[in-house]
Amino acid sequence: QVQLVESGGGLVQAGGSLRLSCTVSGIIFSLTTKGWYRQAPGKQRELVARIGRDNIFTYADSVKGRFTISRDNAKNTVYLQMNSLEPEDTAVYYCNVLLNSRDFWGQGTQVTVSS
C-alpha cells in the first residue's frame, strides 16, 4: 500500500519561509515522478513543482525563484522549500508521486500566509 505523509505546513507572515516534507512508502521512490500541487479555496488544484524521472525540474511561473523542490532518495522524502511567501500562496499543498501512469496523493497540508 502506497502512503504519502506530509508535514511542515502552518501559518506564516508574508515574506517568511516554510519547508514541506513528504515521506513516501510502499513504492520504489527513485523510479517515481515527484511533485507538489496546491489548491486554494474556489480554485482548481495546480502544479507547483515537479521532479521528473528524467531529473528535469518544473516550476509554476508564480513560484519560480522562490520555491525549490528537492528529494532524498535514501529517506524516500521529497521537500518543498518555500521562501518569500505571499498571501497568494495560501492553499492546501499536496504531495504527489506518479509511477506507470498511476497517481498517489498525500492528505494535504495547509499553508496560510498572512499579509
N, C-alpha and C. Protein backbone atom coordinates (compact mmCIF):
# COMPACT_ATOMS: atom_id res chain seq x y z
N GLN A 1 0.84 -1.18 0.00
CA GLN A 1 0.00 0.00 0.00
C GLN A 1 0.89 1.24 0.00
N VAL A 2 0.62 2.12 -0.96
CA VAL A 2 1.42 3.34 -1.08
C VAL A 2 0.87 4.38 -0.10
N GLN A 3 1.78 4.98 0.65
CA GLN A 3 1.39 6.03 1.60
C GLN A 3 2.30 7.23 1.43
N LEU A 4 1.70 8.42 1.50
CA LEU A 4 2.45 9.67 1.46
C LEU A 4 2.05 10.46 2.69
N VAL A 5 3.02 10.81 3.50
CA VAL A 5 2.77 11.53 4.74
C VAL A 5 3.47 12.88 4.67
N GLU A 6 2.66 13.93 4.70
CA GLU A 6 3.17 15.30 4.57
C GLU A 6 3.30 15.96 5.93
N SER A 7 4.21 16.91 6.00
CA SER A 7 4.35 17.72 7.20
C SER A 7 4.97 19.06 6.81
N GLY A 8 4.89 20.02 7.73
CA GLY A 8 5.59 21.28 7.55
C GLY A 8 4.72 22.48 7.23
N GLY A 9 3.43 22.27 7.06
CA GLY A 9 2.57 23.41 6.79
C GLY A 9 2.38 24.26 8.04
N GLY A 10 1.68 25.38 7.88
CA GLY A 10 1.40 26.24 9.02
C GLY A 10 1.06 27.65 8.60
N LEU A 11 1.11 28.53 9.58
CA LEU A 11 0.80 29.95 9.39
C LEU A 11 2.10 30.74 9.42
N VAL A 12 2.28 31.59 8.42
CA VAL A 12 3.49 32.39 8.34
C VAL A 12 3.15 33.77 7.80
N GLN A 13 3.93 34.76 8.18
CA GLN A 13 3.72 36.10 7.65
C GLN A 13 4.30 36.21 6.24
N ALA A 14 3.76 37.14 5.48
CA ALA A 14 4.29 37.40 4.14
C ALA A 14 5.79 37.70 4.22
N GLY A 15 6.52 37.12 3.29
CA GLY A 15 7.97 37.26 3.29
C GLY A 15 8.69 36.15 4.02
N GLY A 16 7.96 35.34 4.75
CA GLY A 16 8.55 34.26 5.52
C GLY A 16 8.79 33.01 4.69
N SER A 17 9.23 31.96 5.38
CA SER A 17 9.58 30.70 4.72
C SER A 17 8.96 29.52 5.44
N LEU A 18 8.73 28.47 4.69
CA LEU A 18 8.31 27.18 5.22
C LEU A 18 8.95 26.09 4.39
N ARG A 19 9.16 24.92 4.99
CA ARG A 19 9.60 23.76 4.24
C ARG A 19 8.62 22.63 4.46
N LEU A 20 8.09 22.14 3.37
CA LEU A 20 7.20 20.99 3.41
C LEU A 20 8.00 19.72 3.15
N SER A 21 7.59 18.65 3.83
CA SER A 21 8.21 17.35 3.63
C SER A 21 7.13 16.32 3.31
N CYS A 22 7.49 15.33 2.53
CA CYS A 22 6.57 14.25 2.18
C CYS A 22 7.37 12.96 2.15
N THR A 23 7.06 12.07 3.07
CA THR A 23 7.74 10.78 3.12
C THR A 23 6.84 9.73 2.50
N VAL A 24 7.42 8.96 1.60
CA VAL A 24 6.66 8.01 0.79
C VAL A 24 7.06 6.58 1.14
N SER A 25 6.09 5.71 1.21
CA SER A 25 6.36 4.29 1.45
C SER A 25 5.49 3.45 0.52
N GLY A 26 5.92 2.20 0.32
CA GLY A 26 5.14 1.27 -0.47
C GLY A 26 5.35 1.35 -1.96
N ILE A 27 6.41 2.06 -2.39
CA ILE A 27 6.66 2.23 -3.80
C ILE A 27 8.16 2.47 -3.98
N ILE A 28 8.69 2.13 -5.15
CA ILE A 28 10.11 2.39 -5.39
C ILE A 28 10.27 3.88 -5.68
N PHE A 29 10.64 4.60 -4.66
CA PHE A 29 10.63 6.06 -4.68
C PHE A 29 11.49 6.60 -5.81
N SER A 30 12.65 6.01 -6.03
CA SER A 30 13.59 6.55 -7.01
C SER A 30 13.05 6.47 -8.44
N LEU A 31 12.06 5.64 -8.68
CA LEU A 31 11.51 5.48 -10.02
C LEU A 31 10.34 6.42 -10.32
N THR A 32 9.91 7.16 -9.32
CA THR A 32 8.71 7.96 -9.49
C THR A 32 9.00 9.38 -9.95
N THR A 33 8.00 9.98 -10.58
CA THR A 33 7.95 11.42 -10.74
C THR A 33 7.35 11.98 -9.45
N LYS A 34 7.98 13.03 -8.92
CA LYS A 34 7.55 13.56 -7.61
C LYS A 34 7.12 15.01 -7.79
N GLY A 35 6.03 15.36 -7.12
CA GLY A 35 5.56 16.72 -7.31
C GLY A 35 4.81 17.25 -6.11
N TRP A 36 4.69 18.55 -6.09
CA TRP A 36 3.85 19.25 -5.13
C TRP A 36 2.79 20.03 -5.92
N TYR A 37 1.56 19.92 -5.45
CA TYR A 37 0.43 20.64 -6.02
C TYR A 37 -0.21 21.46 -4.91
N ARG A 38 -1.05 22.40 -5.29
CA ARG A 38 -1.78 23.16 -4.28
C ARG A 38 -3.18 23.48 -4.78
N GLN A 39 -4.07 23.68 -3.82
CA GLN A 39 -5.44 24.04 -4.15
C GLN A 39 -5.91 25.11 -3.18
N ALA A 40 -6.20 26.27 -3.72
CA ALA A 40 -6.74 27.37 -2.93
C ALA A 40 -8.26 27.30 -2.96
N PRO A 41 -8.93 27.90 -1.98
CA PRO A 41 -10.40 27.86 -1.94
C PRO A 41 -11.00 28.40 -3.24
N GLY A 42 -11.93 27.62 -3.80
CA GLY A 42 -12.61 28.04 -5.01
C GLY A 42 -11.80 27.91 -6.29
N LYS A 43 -10.61 27.33 -6.19
CA LYS A 43 -9.76 27.19 -7.37
C LYS A 43 -9.44 25.72 -7.62
N GLN A 44 -8.98 25.45 -8.83
CA GLN A 44 -8.58 24.09 -9.17
C GLN A 44 -7.19 23.79 -8.61
N ARG A 45 -6.94 22.52 -8.42
CA ARG A 45 -5.62 22.10 -7.99
C ARG A 45 -4.62 22.38 -9.11
N GLU A 46 -3.46 22.92 -8.74
CA GLU A 46 -2.47 23.28 -9.73
C GLU A 46 -1.09 22.75 -9.34
N LEU A 47 -0.28 22.50 -10.36
CA LEU A 47 1.08 22.06 -10.15
C LEU A 47 1.91 23.22 -9.60
N VAL A 48 2.68 22.94 -8.56
CA VAL A 48 3.61 23.92 -8.02
C VAL A 48 5.03 23.62 -8.49
N ALA A 49 5.46 22.37 -8.31
CA ALA A 49 6.81 21.98 -8.70
C ALA A 49 6.87 20.47 -8.87
N ARG A 50 7.79 20.02 -9.74
CA ARG A 50 7.86 18.60 -10.05
C ARG A 50 9.29 18.21 -10.40
N ILE A 51 9.67 17.00 -10.00
CA ILE A 51 10.94 16.40 -10.43
C ILE A 51 10.57 15.18 -11.27
N GLY A 52 10.90 15.21 -12.53
CA GLY A 52 10.60 14.10 -13.40
C GLY A 52 11.58 12.95 -13.22
N ARG A 53 11.21 11.78 -13.76
CA ARG A 53 12.12 10.64 -13.72
C ARG A 53 13.39 10.93 -14.50
N ASP A 54 13.27 11.86 -15.47
CA ASP A 54 14.44 12.26 -16.25
C ASP A 54 15.24 13.35 -15.53
N ASN A 55 14.87 13.60 -14.27
CA ASN A 55 15.57 14.59 -13.43
C ASN A 55 15.39 16.00 -13.94
N ILE A 56 14.33 16.24 -14.66
CA ILE A 56 14.00 17.60 -15.09
C ILE A 56 13.08 18.23 -14.05
N PHE A 57 13.45 19.45 -13.66
CA PHE A 57 12.69 20.18 -12.65
C PHE A 57 11.74 21.15 -13.35
N THR A 58 10.49 21.18 -12.88
CA THR A 58 9.48 22.06 -13.44
C THR A 58 8.85 22.87 -12.32
N TYR A 59 8.67 24.16 -12.57
CA TYR A 59 8.04 25.04 -11.58
C TYR A 59 6.93 25.85 -12.23
N ALA A 60 5.89 26.12 -11.46
CA ALA A 60 4.88 27.07 -11.91
C ALA A 60 5.53 28.46 -12.00
N ASP A 61 5.10 29.24 -12.95
CA ASP A 61 5.68 30.57 -13.12
C ASP A 61 5.54 31.40 -11.85
N SER A 62 4.47 31.22 -11.13
CA SER A 62 4.20 32.04 -9.96
C SER A 62 5.16 31.78 -8.79
N VAL A 63 5.89 30.65 -8.84
CA VAL A 63 6.77 30.32 -7.72
C VAL A 63 8.24 30.28 -8.13
N LYS A 64 8.53 30.46 -9.40
CA LYS A 64 9.93 30.41 -9.84
C LYS A 64 10.76 31.45 -9.11
N GLY A 65 11.92 30.99 -8.64
CA GLY A 65 12.81 31.88 -7.91
C GLY A 65 12.51 31.98 -6.43
N ARG A 66 11.37 31.44 -6.01
CA ARG A 66 11.01 31.49 -4.58
C ARG A 66 10.92 30.10 -3.96
N PHE A 67 10.46 29.12 -4.72
CA PHE A 67 10.28 27.75 -4.22
C PHE A 67 11.33 26.83 -4.84
N THR A 68 11.73 25.82 -4.07
CA THR A 68 12.68 24.83 -4.56
C THR A 68 12.22 23.44 -4.15
N ILE A 69 12.09 22.56 -5.13
CA ILE A 69 11.75 21.16 -4.84
C ILE A 69 13.04 20.36 -4.82
N SER A 70 13.10 19.39 -3.90
CA SER A 70 14.26 18.52 -3.82
C SER A 70 13.81 17.17 -3.28
N ARG A 71 14.71 16.18 -3.36
CA ARG A 71 14.36 14.87 -2.82
C ARG A 71 15.59 14.20 -2.24
N ASP A 72 15.31 13.30 -1.31
CA ASP A 72 16.36 12.48 -0.71
C ASP A 72 15.91 11.04 -0.91
N ASN A 73 16.51 10.38 -1.88
CA ASN A 73 16.10 9.01 -2.19
C ASN A 73 16.39 8.06 -1.04
N ALA A 74 17.41 8.34 -0.26
CA ALA A 74 17.74 7.46 0.87
C ALA A 74 16.66 7.52 1.94
N LYS A 75 15.96 8.66 2.00
CA LYS A 75 14.90 8.82 3.02
C LYS A 75 13.51 8.72 2.42
N ASN A 76 13.44 8.44 1.12
CA ASN A 76 12.13 8.37 0.43
C ASN A 76 11.30 9.62 0.69
N THR A 77 11.95 10.76 0.63
CA THR A 77 11.29 12.02 1.00
C THR A 77 11.50 13.08 -0.07
N VAL A 78 10.44 13.81 -0.34
CA VAL A 78 10.51 14.95 -1.24
C VAL A 78 10.16 16.20 -0.44
N TYR A 79 10.87 17.28 -0.74
CA TYR A 79 10.74 18.52 0.01
C TYR A 79 10.28 19.65 -0.90
N LEU A 80 9.67 20.65 -0.28
CA LEU A 80 9.38 21.89 -0.99
C LEU A 80 9.78 23.04 -0.07
N GLN A 81 10.88 23.69 -0.41
CA GLN A 81 11.33 24.87 0.34
C GLN A 81 10.64 26.08 -0.27
N MET A 82 9.92 26.80 0.57
CA MET A 82 9.15 27.96 0.10
C MET A 82 9.67 29.22 0.79
N ASN A 83 10.21 30.12 0.01
CA ASN A 83 10.73 31.38 0.52
C ASN A 83 9.93 32.54 -0.04
N SER A 84 10.08 33.69 0.59
CA SER A 84 9.38 34.91 0.14
C SER A 84 7.90 34.64 -0.08
N LEU A 85 7.29 34.01 0.88
CA LEU A 85 5.88 33.63 0.74
C LEU A 85 4.98 34.84 0.64
N GLU A 86 3.94 34.67 -0.15
CA GLU A 86 2.96 35.73 -0.40
C GLU A 86 1.58 35.24 -0.01
N PRO A 87 0.67 36.16 0.32
CA PRO A 87 -0.69 35.72 0.66
C PRO A 87 -1.33 34.86 -0.43
N GLU A 88 -0.94 35.10 -1.68
CA GLU A 88 -1.48 34.31 -2.79
C GLU A 88 -1.02 32.86 -2.76
N ASP A 89 -0.02 32.55 -1.94
CA ASP A 89 0.44 31.17 -1.81
C ASP A 89 -0.41 30.37 -0.84
N THR A 90 -1.35 31.00 -0.18
CA THR A 90 -2.22 30.31 0.75
C THR A 90 -3.03 29.24 0.04
N ALA A 91 -2.93 28.01 0.52
CA ALA A 91 -3.60 26.88 -0.12
C ALA A 91 -3.35 25.62 0.70
N VAL A 92 -4.03 24.57 0.33
CA VAL A 92 -3.67 23.23 0.81
C VAL A 92 -2.67 22.67 -0.19
N TYR A 93 -1.55 22.21 0.32
CA TYR A 93 -0.48 21.68 -0.52
C TYR A 93 -0.49 20.16 -0.44
N TYR A 94 -0.42 19.54 -1.62
CA TYR A 94 -0.49 18.09 -1.73
C TYR A 94 0.78 17.54 -2.35
N CYS A 95 1.29 16.50 -1.77
CA CYS A 95 2.40 15.75 -2.35
C CYS A 95 1.84 14.72 -3.33
N ASN A 96 2.57 14.48 -4.39
CA ASN A 96 2.13 13.52 -5.41
C ASN A 96 3.32 12.72 -5.92
N VAL A 97 3.12 11.43 -6.13
CA VAL A 97 4.09 10.63 -6.87
C VAL A 97 3.35 9.92 -7.99
N LEU A 98 4.06 9.75 -9.09
CA LEU A 98 3.49 9.14 -10.29
C LEU A 98 4.42 8.03 -10.75
N LEU A 99 3.84 6.84 -10.98
CA LEU A 99 4.63 5.72 -11.46
C LEU A 99 3.76 4.89 -12.38
N ASN A 100 4.24 4.67 -13.59
CA ASN A 100 3.49 3.85 -14.56
C ASN A 100 2.05 4.34 -14.72
N SER A 101 1.90 5.63 -14.81
CA SER A 101 0.59 6.28 -15.04
C SER A 101 -0.35 6.20 -13.86
N ARG A 102 0.14 5.79 -12.72
CA ARG A 102 -0.69 5.75 -11.52
C ARG A 102 -0.27 6.89 -10.59
N ASP A 103 -1.28 7.66 -10.15
CA ASP A 103 -1.06 8.79 -9.26
C ASP A 103 -1.34 8.40 -7.82
N PHE A 104 -0.50 8.89 -6.93
CA PHE A 104 -0.74 8.69 -5.50
C PHE A 104 -0.60 10.06 -4.82
N TRP A 105 -1.50 10.31 -3.84
CA TRP A 105 -1.57 11.63 -3.22
C TRP A 105 -1.45 11.56 -1.71
N GLY A 106 -0.86 12.61 -1.16
CA GLY A 106 -0.87 12.78 0.28
C GLY A 106 -2.20 13.38 0.72
N GLN A 107 -2.33 13.54 2.03
CA GLN A 107 -3.59 14.02 2.60
C GLN A 107 -3.71 15.54 2.51
N GLY A 108 -2.61 16.21 2.24
CA GLY A 108 -2.62 17.66 2.15
C GLY A 108 -2.20 18.33 3.45
N THR A 109 -1.54 19.46 3.31
CA THR A 109 -1.14 20.24 4.48
C THR A 109 -1.45 21.71 4.19
N GLN A 110 -2.03 22.37 5.16
CA GLN A 110 -2.46 23.75 4.97
C GLN A 110 -1.30 24.72 5.13
N VAL A 111 -1.17 25.61 4.18
CA VAL A 111 -0.22 26.72 4.26
C VAL A 111 -1.02 28.01 4.20
N THR A 112 -0.86 28.84 5.22
CA THR A 112 -1.56 30.12 5.28
C THR A 112 -0.55 31.23 5.44
N VAL A 113 -0.61 32.20 4.52
CA VAL A 113 0.33 33.32 4.55
C VAL A 113 -0.47 34.59 4.85
N SER A 114 -0.14 35.22 5.95
CA SER A 114 -0.85 36.43 6.34
C SER A 114 -0.14 37.67 5.81
N SER A 115 -0.92 38.68 5.49
CA SER A 115 -0.33 39.91 4.94
C SER A 115 0.03 40.90 6.04
